[in-house]
Amino acid sequence: MNFRMRKWVKPEDLNPNGTLFGGRLLEWIDEEAALYTIVQLENRKIVTKFMSEINFIQAPVQGDIIEMGIDVVKFGRTSLTLRCVVRNKMNQEEVLRIENITMVNLGDDGKPAPHGKTKKEFVSERLRNSQL
């Protein structure tokens, strides 16, 4: 799993307990899952359909740097299922884990549409293959 997105926990991200507000973290995860899906499926029209149990393991505090890892669990006909792990960058301790995030590919009509993808691709591979 590649950990690409990093966030610095700032005062505006905290809950009344002085730890990272769970809703803020879920917002960041949803955005990262959407961006990952857009790149994989080569379509900007996607939506989040489902998130499985969200396991909060440790609460980051102000000043912590967290990083998110997203990986593909499976390709469906119109969907992409992802897994997410969030960890503290400095000590590598796990902060949160979500085993299944289902993202759905949409057509121009706003309805689920087949995407035709079956494996994880990297942009560099696509560029290299398009130049052949």
C-alpha atoms as a PDB file:
ATOM      1  CA  MET A   1       0.000   0.000   0.000  1.00  0.00           C
ATOM      2  CA  ASN A   2       1.343   3.401  -0.962  1.00  0.00           C
ATOM      3  CA  PHE A   3       0.850   6.249   1.503  1.00  0.00           C
ATOM      4  CA  ARG A   4       0.591   9.344  -0.661  1.00  0.00           C
ATOM      5  CA  MET A   5      -1.658  11.873   1.015  1.00  0.00           C
ATOM      6  CA  ARG A   6      -0.427  13.659   4.119  1.00  0.00           C
ATOM      7  CA  LYS A   7      -2.262  16.037   6.409  1.00  0.00           C
ATOM      8  CA  TRP A   8      -1.042  18.161   9.271  1.00  0.00           C
ATOM      9  CA  VAL A   9      -3.545  18.181  12.142  1.00  0.00           C
ATOM     10  CA  LYS A  10      -4.293  21.858  12.845  1.00  0.00           C
ATOM     11  CA  PRO A  11      -6.407  23.555  15.548  1.00  0.00           C
ATOM     12  CA  GLU A  12      -9.402  23.872  13.202  1.00  0.00           C
ATOM     13  CA  ASP A  13      -9.393  20.053  12.749  1.00  0.00           C
ATOM     14  CA  LEU A  14      -9.884  19.284  16.460  1.00  0.00           C
ATOM     15  CA  ASN A  15     -12.954  18.198  18.393  1.00  0.00           C
ATOM     16  CA  PRO A  16     -13.780  19.417  21.948  1.00  0.00           C
ATOM     17  CA  ASN A  17     -11.507  16.650  23.327  1.00  0.00           C
ATOM     18  CA  GLY A  18      -8.474  18.174  21.609  1.00  0.00           C
ATOM     19  CA  THR A  19      -8.094  15.289  19.165  1.00  0.00           C
ATOM     20  CA  LEU A  20      -8.744  15.052  15.438  1.00  0.00           C
ATOM     21  CA  PHE A  21     -12.471  15.298  14.685  1.00  0.00           C
ATOM     22  CA  GLY A  22     -13.561  12.004  13.106  1.00  0.00           C
ATOM     23  CA  GLY A  23     -15.757  13.770  10.573  1.00  0.00           C
ATOM     24  CA  ARG A  24     -12.791  15.767   9.291  1.00  0.00           C
ATOM     25  CA  LEU A  25     -10.760  12.592   8.870  1.00  0.00           C
ATOM     26  CA  LEU A  26     -13.629  10.905   7.021  1.00  0.00           C
ATOM     27  CA  GLU A  27     -13.894  13.956   4.740  1.00  0.00           C
ATOM     28  CA  TRP A  28     -10.204  13.616   3.872  1.00  0.00           C
ATOM     29  CA  ILE A  29     -10.571   9.865   3.278  1.00  0.00           C
ATOM     30  CA  ASP A  30     -13.624  10.334   1.040  1.00  0.00           C
ATOM     31  CA  GLU A  31     -11.784  12.931  -1.027  1.00  0.00           C
ATOM     32  CA  GLU A  32      -8.684  10.760  -1.358  1.00  0.00           C
ATOM     33  CA  ALA A  33     -10.801   7.717  -2.326  1.00  0.00           C
ATOM     34  CA  ALA A  34     -12.567   9.828  -4.963  1.00  0.00           C
ATOM     35  CA  LEU A  35      -9.294  11.111  -6.423  1.00  0.00           C
ATOM     36  CA  TYR A  36      -7.823   7.617  -6.486  1.00  0.00           C
ATOM     37  CA  THR A  37     -10.932   6.284  -8.246  1.00  0.00           C
ATOM     38  CA  ILE A  38     -10.984   9.109 -10.792  1.00  0.00           C
ATOM     39  CA  VAL A  39      -7.392   8.324 -11.767  1.00  0.00           C
ATOM     40  CA  GLN A  40      -7.958   4.550 -11.891  1.00  0.00           C
ATOM     41  CA  LEU A  41     -11.212   4.655 -13.849  1.00  0.00           C
ATOM     42  CA  GLU A  42     -10.295   7.713 -15.953  1.00  0.00           C
ATOM     43  CA  ASN A  43     -13.682   9.276 -15.236  1.00  0.00           C
ATOM     44  CA  ARG A  44     -14.442  12.345 -13.114  1.00  0.00           C
ATOM     45  CA  LYS A  45     -18.026  11.238 -12.582  1.00  0.00           C
ATOM     46  CA  ILE A  46     -17.876   8.932  -9.576  1.00  0.00           C
ATOM     47  CA  VAL A  47     -19.669   8.713  -6.222  1.00  0.00           C
ATOM     48  CA  THR A  48     -19.073   7.057  -2.880  1.00  0.00           C
ATOM     49  CA  LYS A  49     -21.636   4.307  -2.382  1.00  0.00           C
ATOM     50  CA  PHE A  50     -20.477   2.515   0.755  1.00  0.00           C
ATOM     51  CA  MET A  51     -17.974   2.550   3.599  1.00  0.00           C
ATOM     52  CA  SER A  52     -17.670  -0.508   5.796  1.00  0.00           C
ATOM     53  CA  GLU A  53     -17.017  -0.390   9.518  1.00  0.00           C
ATOM     54  CA  ILE A  54     -14.695   2.460  10.383  1.00  0.00           C
ATOM     55  CA  ASN A  55     -12.173   1.375  12.972  1.00  0.00           C
ATOM     56  CA  PHE A  56     -10.728   4.352  14.864  1.00  0.00           C
ATOM     57  CA  ILE A  57      -7.608   2.973  16.555  1.00  0.00           C
ATOM     58  CA  GLN A  58      -5.798   6.046  17.829  1.00  0.00           C
ATOM     59  CA  ALA A  59      -6.736   9.729  18.031  1.00  0.00           C
ATOM     60  CA  PRO A  60      -4.242  12.137  16.449  1.00  0.00           C
ATOM     61  CA  VAL A  61      -3.641  15.428  18.254  1.00  0.00           C
ATOM     62  CA  GLN A  62      -2.719  18.916  17.079  1.00  0.00           C
ATOM     63  CA  GLY A  63       0.631  18.927  15.312  1.00  0.00           C
ATOM     64  CA  ASP A  64       0.538  15.274  14.278  1.00  0.00           C
ATOM     65  CA  ILE A  65       1.176  14.476  10.641  1.00  0.00           C
ATOM     66  CA  ILE A  66      -1.006  11.700   9.333  1.00  0.00           C
ATOM     67  CA  GLU A  67      -0.786   9.885   6.031  1.00  0.00           C
ATOM     68  CA  MET A  68      -3.369   7.887   4.122  1.00  0.00           C
ATOM     69  CA  GLY A  69      -2.889   4.747   2.119  1.00  0.00           C
ATOM     70  CA  ILE A  70      -5.475   3.586  -0.393  1.00  0.00           C
ATOM     71  CA  ASP A  71      -5.355   0.309  -2.275  1.00  0.00           C
ATOM     72  CA  VAL A  72      -7.664  -1.629  -4.560  1.00  0.00           C
ATOM     73  CA  VAL A  73      -9.598  -4.545  -3.063  1.00  0.00           C
ATOM     74  CA  LYS A  74     -11.493  -5.423  -6.252  1.00  0.00           C
ATOM     75  CA  PHE A  75     -12.817  -4.126  -9.534  1.00  0.00           C
ATOM     76  CA  GLY A  76     -16.547  -4.543 -10.073  1.00  0.00           C
ATOM     77  CA  ARG A  77     -18.446  -3.976 -13.317  1.00  0.00           C
ATOM     78  CA  THR A  78     -19.442  -0.402 -12.394  1.00  0.00           C
ATOM     79  CA  SER A  79     -17.525   0.001  -9.153  1.00  0.00           C
ATOM     80  CA  LEU A  80     -14.135  -0.018  -7.514  1.00  0.00           C
ATOM     81  CA  THR A  81     -13.722  -1.253  -3.945  1.00  0.00           C
ATOM     82  CA  LEU A  82     -10.864   0.243  -1.958  1.00  0.00           C
ATOM     83  CA  ARG A  83      -9.194  -0.258   1.407  1.00  0.00           C
ATOM     84  CA  CYS A  84      -7.844   2.640   3.469  1.00  0.00           C
ATOM     85  CA  VAL A  85      -5.293   2.802   6.254  1.00  0.00           C
ATOM     86  CA  VAL A  86      -4.405   6.028   8.039  1.00  0.00           C
ATOM     87  CA  ARG A  87      -1.279   6.173  10.161  1.00  0.00           C
ATOM     88  CA  ASN A  88       0.807   8.660  12.092  1.00  0.00           C
ATOM     89  CA  LYS A  89       3.707   9.638   9.834  1.00  0.00           C
ATOM     90  CA  MET A  90       6.216  10.087  12.628  1.00  0.00           C
ATOM     91  CA  ASN A  91       5.725   6.858  14.607  1.00  0.00           C
ATOM     92  CA  GLN A  92       3.949   4.724  11.946  1.00  0.00           C
ATOM     93  CA  GLU A  93       1.162   3.810  14.408  1.00  0.00           C
ATOM     94  CA  GLU A  94      -2.186   3.056  12.803  1.00  0.00           C
ATOM     95  CA  VAL A  95      -4.872   5.709  13.339  1.00  0.00           C
ATOM     96  CA  LEU A  96      -7.783   4.271  11.366  1.00  0.00           C
ATOM     97  CA  ARG A  97      -8.682   1.392   9.064  1.00  0.00           C
ATOM     98  CA  ILE A  98     -11.563   0.957   6.612  1.00  0.00           C
ATOM     99  CA  GLU A  99     -11.610  -2.404   4.848  1.00  0.00           C
ATOM    100  CA  ASN A 100     -14.135  -1.560   2.092  1.00  0.00           C
ATOM    101  CA  ILE A 101     -14.973   1.716   0.391  1.00  0.00           C
ATOM    102  CA  THR A 102     -17.129   1.236  -2.697  1.00  0.00           C
ATOM    103  CA  MET A 103     -16.898   3.907  -5.356  1.00  0.00           C
ATOM    104  CA  VAL A 104     -19.288   3.843  -8.342  1.00  0.00           C
ATOM    105  CA  ASN A 105     -18.509   4.914 -11.878  1.00  0.00           C
ATOM    106  CA  LEU A 106     -21.235   7.087 -13.447  1.00  0.00           C
ATOM    107  CA  GLY A 107     -22.187   7.678 -17.051  1.00  0.00           C
ATOM    108  CA  ASP A 108     -23.264  10.980 -18.580  1.00  0.00           C
ATOM    109  CA  ASP A 109     -26.812  10.277 -17.379  1.00  0.00           C
ATOM    110  CA  GLY A 110     -25.654  10.107 -13.746  1.00  0.00           C
ATOM    111  CA  LYS A 111     -26.398   6.381 -13.481  1.00  0.00           C
ATOM    112  CA  PRO A 112     -23.904   3.565 -12.772  1.00  0.00           C
ATOM    113  CA  ALA A 113     -21.967   2.693 -15.917  1.00  0.00           C
ATOM    114  CA  PRO A 114     -19.462  -0.076 -16.720  1.00  0.00           C
ATOM    115  CA  HIS A 115     -15.884   1.165 -16.583  1.00  0.00           C
ATOM    116  CA  GLY A 116     -14.106  -1.712 -18.343  1.00  0.00           C
ATOM    117  CA  LYS A 117     -11.146  -1.774 -15.938  1.00  0.00           C
ATOM    118  CA  THR A 118      -9.870  -5.011 -14.408  1.00  0.00           C
ATOM    119  CA  LYS A 119      -6.550  -4.126 -12.797  1.00  0.00           C
ATOM    120  CA  LYS A 120      -4.747  -1.290 -11.096  1.00  0.00           C
ATOM    121  CA  GLU A 121      -2.946   1.007 -13.519  1.00  0.00           C
ATOM    122  CA  PHE A 122      -0.431   3.746 -13.038  1.00  0.00           C
ATOM    123  CA  VAL A 123      -0.543   6.980 -15.039  1.00  0.00           C
ATOM    124  CA  SER A 124       3.097   6.492 -16.082  1.00  0.00           C
ATOM    125  CA  GLU A 125       2.144   3.120 -17.659  1.00  0.00           C
ATOM    126  CA  ARG A 126      -0.753   4.719 -19.552  1.00  0.00           C
ATOM    127  CA  LEU A 127       1.487   7.477 -20.881  1.00  0.00           C
ATOM    128  CA  ARG A 128       4.159   4.996 -21.919  1.00  0.00           C
ATOM    129  CA  ASN A 129       1.597   2.725 -23.643  1.00  0.00           C
ATOM    130  CA  SER A 130      -0.036   5.645 -25.480  1.00  0.00           C
ATOM    131  CA  GLN A 131       3.342   6.631 -26.956  1.00  0.00           C
ATOM    132  CA  LEU A 132       3.989   3.160 -28.434  1.00  0.00           C
END
